[in-house]
Amino acid sequence: MNNCSCQNSSNRETLLNRIMSLNFAVNDLTLYLDTHPNDTKALCMHNEYSQEATKLTEEYQRLYGPLTINFTSDTWDWIDEPWPWERGAY
């Protein structure tokens, strides 16, 4: 028996965790670059992680709905989703 809803939930959680990890790394690298602006390796990592986070955020929002207020949509049905405390820990 194939449990698609469980697999979908797992994929959603994995994608969200990856996005959060990338955003953390981007923020951390931003702080580092504030004091080490000539570190080209750190700048390259910052740019790479920023691009990947943007790509994955767009994918997540296309599949599951908005993560930010900047999400554009033809509908405003995100409010019908369970609230974080209603669906368990992510």
N, C-alpha and C. Protein backbone atom coordinates (compact mmCIF):
# COMPACT_ATOMS: atom_id res chain seq x y z
N MET A 1 0.85 -1.18 0.00
CA MET A 1 0.00 0.00 0.00
C MET A 1 0.90 1.24 0.00
N ASN A 2 0.63 2.16 -0.88
CA ASN A 2 1.42 3.38 -1.02
C ASN A 2 0.78 4.50 -0.21
N ASN A 3 1.51 5.05 0.73
CA ASN A 3 0.99 6.11 1.59
C ASN A 3 1.49 7.45 1.07
N CYS A 4 0.81 8.00 0.06
CA CYS A 4 1.26 9.22 -0.60
C CYS A 4 1.25 10.42 0.34
N SER A 5 0.27 10.54 1.21
CA SER A 5 0.20 11.71 2.09
C SER A 5 1.38 11.74 3.05
N CYS A 6 1.82 10.58 3.51
CA CYS A 6 2.98 10.52 4.40
C CYS A 6 4.23 10.91 3.64
N GLN A 7 4.38 10.40 2.43
CA GLN A 7 5.55 10.73 1.60
C GLN A 7 5.55 12.22 1.27
N ASN A 8 4.39 12.76 0.93
CA ASN A 8 4.27 14.18 0.61
C ASN A 8 4.66 15.03 1.80
N SER A 9 4.22 14.64 2.99
CA SER A 9 4.57 15.37 4.21
C SER A 9 6.07 15.32 4.46
N SER A 10 6.67 14.16 4.21
CA SER A 10 8.11 14.00 4.39
C SER A 10 8.88 14.88 3.41
N ASN A 11 8.45 14.91 2.15
CA ASN A 11 9.10 15.76 1.15
C ASN A 11 8.97 17.23 1.51
N ARG A 12 7.79 17.60 1.98
CA ARG A 12 7.55 18.99 2.37
C ARG A 12 8.46 19.39 3.53
N GLU A 13 8.56 18.53 4.51
CA GLU A 13 9.41 18.81 5.67
C GLU A 13 10.89 18.87 5.27
N THR A 14 11.31 17.96 4.42
CA THR A 14 12.70 17.94 3.95
C THR A 14 13.03 19.22 3.19
N LEU A 15 12.13 19.64 2.30
CA LEU A 15 12.34 20.85 1.53
C LEU A 15 12.39 22.08 2.44
N LEU A 16 11.48 22.15 3.39
CA LEU A 16 11.45 23.28 4.32
C LEU A 16 12.71 23.32 5.18
N ASN A 17 13.17 22.17 5.64
CA ASN A 17 14.41 22.13 6.43
C ASN A 17 15.61 22.58 5.61
N ARG A 18 15.65 22.20 4.34
CA ARG A 18 16.75 22.63 3.47
C ARG A 18 16.72 24.14 3.28
N ILE A 19 15.55 24.69 3.07
CA ILE A 19 15.41 26.15 2.90
C ILE A 19 15.86 26.87 4.16
N MET A 20 15.44 26.39 5.32
CA MET A 20 15.82 27.03 6.58
C MET A 20 17.34 26.94 6.80
N SER A 21 17.94 25.81 6.45
CA SER A 21 19.39 25.65 6.59
C SER A 21 20.14 26.61 5.69
N LEU A 22 19.69 26.72 4.46
CA LEU A 22 20.33 27.64 3.52
C LEU A 22 20.19 29.09 3.97
N ASN A 23 19.00 29.45 4.44
CA ASN A 23 18.79 30.83 4.92
C ASN A 23 19.66 31.13 6.14
N PHE A 24 19.83 30.15 7.01
CA PHE A 24 20.72 30.34 8.16
C PHE A 24 22.15 30.57 7.68
N ALA A 25 22.60 29.76 6.73
CA ALA A 25 23.97 29.89 6.21
C ALA A 25 24.16 31.25 5.52
N VAL A 26 23.16 31.68 4.77
CA VAL A 26 23.24 32.99 4.10
C VAL A 26 23.35 34.11 5.14
N ASN A 27 22.54 34.05 6.19
CA ASN A 27 22.60 35.07 7.24
C ASN A 27 23.96 35.06 7.95
N ASP A 28 24.46 33.87 8.23
CA ASP A 28 25.75 33.74 8.90
C ASP A 28 26.88 34.28 8.02
N LEU A 29 26.84 33.92 6.74
CA LEU A 29 27.86 34.42 5.81
C LEU A 29 27.76 35.94 5.64
N THR A 30 26.56 36.48 5.69
CA THR A 30 26.39 37.93 5.61
C THR A 30 27.09 38.62 6.76
N LEU A 31 26.92 38.10 7.96
CA LEU A 31 27.59 38.68 9.12
C LEU A 31 29.12 38.56 8.99
N TYR A 32 29.57 37.41 8.53
CA TYR A 32 31.01 37.21 8.33
C TYR A 32 31.56 38.18 7.30
N LEU A 33 30.83 38.35 6.19
CA LEU A 33 31.31 39.24 5.13
C LEU A 33 31.30 40.71 5.56
N ASP A 34 30.50 41.05 6.55
CA ASP A 34 30.53 42.41 7.08
C ASP A 34 31.91 42.75 7.64
N THR A 35 32.59 41.75 8.19
CA THR A 35 33.91 41.99 8.78
C THR A 35 35.05 41.45 7.92
N HIS A 36 34.73 40.69 6.88
CA HIS A 36 35.74 40.13 5.98
C HIS A 36 35.29 40.32 4.53
N PRO A 37 35.14 41.56 4.08
CA PRO A 37 34.55 41.82 2.76
C PRO A 37 35.39 41.33 1.58
N ASN A 38 36.65 41.03 1.79
CA ASN A 38 37.52 40.60 0.69
C ASN A 38 37.66 39.08 0.60
N ASP A 39 36.90 38.34 1.39
CA ASP A 39 36.96 36.88 1.36
C ASP A 39 36.12 36.39 0.18
N THR A 40 36.78 36.13 -0.93
CA THR A 40 36.06 35.75 -2.15
C THR A 40 35.39 34.38 -2.04
N LYS A 41 35.98 33.47 -1.27
CA LYS A 41 35.37 32.15 -1.08
C LYS A 41 34.04 32.29 -0.33
N ALA A 42 34.03 33.10 0.72
CA ALA A 42 32.80 33.32 1.48
C ALA A 42 31.75 34.01 0.62
N LEU A 43 32.17 34.95 -0.19
CA LEU A 43 31.24 35.65 -1.07
C LEU A 43 30.64 34.69 -2.09
N CYS A 44 31.46 33.82 -2.63
CA CYS A 44 30.99 32.81 -3.58
C CYS A 44 29.97 31.89 -2.91
N MET A 45 30.28 31.44 -1.69
CA MET A 45 29.35 30.58 -0.95
C MET A 45 28.04 31.31 -0.68
N HIS A 46 28.11 32.58 -0.28
CA HIS A 46 26.93 33.39 -0.02
C HIS A 46 26.05 33.45 -1.26
N ASN A 47 26.65 33.72 -2.40
CA ASN A 47 25.88 33.84 -3.63
C ASN A 47 25.27 32.49 -4.03
N GLU A 48 26.03 31.42 -3.90
CA GLU A 48 25.54 30.09 -4.24
C GLU A 48 24.36 29.69 -3.34
N TYR A 49 24.52 29.88 -2.04
CA TYR A 49 23.46 29.52 -1.10
C TYR A 49 22.22 30.39 -1.29
N SER A 50 22.44 31.67 -1.58
CA SER A 50 21.31 32.58 -1.81
C SER A 50 20.50 32.14 -3.02
N GLN A 51 21.19 31.79 -4.09
CA GLN A 51 20.50 31.35 -5.30
C GLN A 51 19.74 30.05 -5.07
N GLU A 52 20.36 29.11 -4.37
CA GLU A 52 19.69 27.84 -4.09
C GLU A 52 18.49 28.04 -3.17
N ALA A 53 18.63 28.89 -2.16
CA ALA A 53 17.51 29.17 -1.25
C ALA A 53 16.35 29.80 -2.01
N THR A 54 16.63 30.71 -2.91
CA THR A 54 15.59 31.34 -3.71
C THR A 54 14.89 30.32 -4.58
N LYS A 55 15.66 29.46 -5.24
CA LYS A 55 15.10 28.43 -6.11
C LYS A 55 14.21 27.47 -5.31
N LEU A 56 14.70 27.01 -4.17
CA LEU A 56 13.94 26.06 -3.36
C LEU A 56 12.70 26.71 -2.73
N THR A 57 12.82 27.99 -2.36
CA THR A 57 11.66 28.71 -1.82
C THR A 57 10.57 28.83 -2.88
N GLU A 58 10.97 29.13 -4.10
CA GLU A 58 9.99 29.21 -5.19
C GLU A 58 9.33 27.86 -5.42
N GLU A 59 10.12 26.79 -5.38
CA GLU A 59 9.58 25.44 -5.55
C GLU A 59 8.60 25.11 -4.42
N TYR A 60 9.00 25.39 -3.18
CA TYR A 60 8.14 25.11 -2.03
C TYR A 60 6.82 25.86 -2.17
N GLN A 61 6.89 27.13 -2.51
CA GLN A 61 5.68 27.96 -2.60
C GLN A 61 4.79 27.49 -3.75
N ARG A 62 5.38 27.02 -4.82
CA ARG A 62 4.60 26.50 -5.94
C ARG A 62 3.84 25.24 -5.51
N LEU A 63 4.50 24.40 -4.71
CA LEU A 63 3.90 23.13 -4.30
C LEU A 63 2.99 23.24 -3.09
N TYR A 64 3.39 24.06 -2.09
CA TYR A 64 2.72 24.02 -0.79
C TYR A 64 2.11 25.34 -0.32
N GLY A 65 2.42 26.42 -0.99
CA GLY A 65 1.87 27.70 -0.57
C GLY A 65 2.95 28.64 -0.06
N PRO A 66 2.56 29.83 0.36
CA PRO A 66 3.52 30.88 0.68
C PRO A 66 4.36 30.62 1.92
N LEU A 67 5.60 31.07 1.82
CA LEU A 67 6.51 31.12 2.97
C LEU A 67 6.77 32.56 3.39
N THR A 68 6.55 33.48 2.46
CA THR A 68 6.80 34.89 2.73
C THR A 68 5.61 35.72 2.25
N ILE A 69 5.58 36.96 2.65
CA ILE A 69 4.50 37.86 2.22
C ILE A 69 4.68 38.29 0.77
N ASN A 70 5.83 38.01 0.18
CA ASN A 70 6.11 38.40 -1.20
C ASN A 70 5.61 37.38 -2.22
N PHE A 71 4.95 36.33 -1.76
CA PHE A 71 4.45 35.28 -2.64
C PHE A 71 3.26 35.80 -3.43
N THR A 72 3.30 35.61 -4.75
CA THR A 72 2.17 36.02 -5.58
C THR A 72 1.33 34.80 -5.91
N SER A 73 0.03 34.99 -5.93
CA SER A 73 -0.88 33.87 -6.17
C SER A 73 -2.17 34.38 -6.78
N ASP A 74 -2.87 33.47 -7.46
CA ASP A 74 -4.17 33.81 -8.02
C ASP A 74 -5.29 33.66 -6.99
N THR A 75 -4.98 32.99 -5.88
CA THR A 75 -5.97 32.80 -4.83
C THR A 75 -5.38 33.22 -3.49
N TRP A 76 -6.25 33.40 -2.53
CA TRP A 76 -5.81 33.77 -1.18
C TRP A 76 -6.28 32.69 -0.21
N ASP A 77 -6.03 31.43 -0.58
CA ASP A 77 -6.54 30.32 0.22
C ASP A 77 -5.52 29.77 1.21
N TRP A 78 -4.38 30.41 1.34
CA TRP A 78 -3.37 29.93 2.28
C TRP A 78 -3.89 29.93 3.70
N ILE A 79 -4.83 30.80 3.98
CA ILE A 79 -5.35 30.90 5.35
C ILE A 79 -6.18 29.67 5.72
N ASP A 80 -6.58 28.87 4.71
CA ASP A 80 -7.35 27.66 4.97
C ASP A 80 -6.47 26.49 5.39
N GLU A 81 -5.15 26.64 5.26
CA GLU A 81 -4.21 25.60 5.68
C GLU A 81 -4.21 25.51 7.20
N PRO A 82 -3.85 24.36 7.74
CA PRO A 82 -3.73 24.27 9.20
C PRO A 82 -2.65 25.22 9.72
N TRP A 83 -2.89 25.81 10.85
CA TRP A 83 -1.90 26.67 11.48
C TRP A 83 -0.79 25.79 12.05
N PRO A 84 0.40 26.33 12.27
CA PRO A 84 1.53 25.50 12.73
C PRO A 84 1.19 24.66 13.96
N TRP A 85 0.44 25.19 14.90
CA TRP A 85 0.13 24.45 16.13
C TRP A 85 -0.97 23.40 15.88
N GLU A 86 -1.61 23.46 14.72
CA GLU A 86 -2.66 22.49 14.40
C GLU A 86 -2.13 21.26 13.65
N ARG A 87 -0.95 21.37 13.03
CA ARG A 87 -0.46 20.27 12.21
C ARG A 87 0.74 19.56 12.81
N GLY A 88 1.18 19.95 13.96
CA GLY A 88 2.32 19.29 14.57
C GLY A 88 3.62 20.01 14.24
N ALA A 89 4.68 19.50 14.77
CA ALA A 89 5.99 20.14 14.60
C ALA A 89 6.49 19.92 13.19
N TYR A 90 7.12 20.96 12.65
CA TYR A 90 7.77 20.87 11.34
C TYR A 90 9.21 20.82 11.59
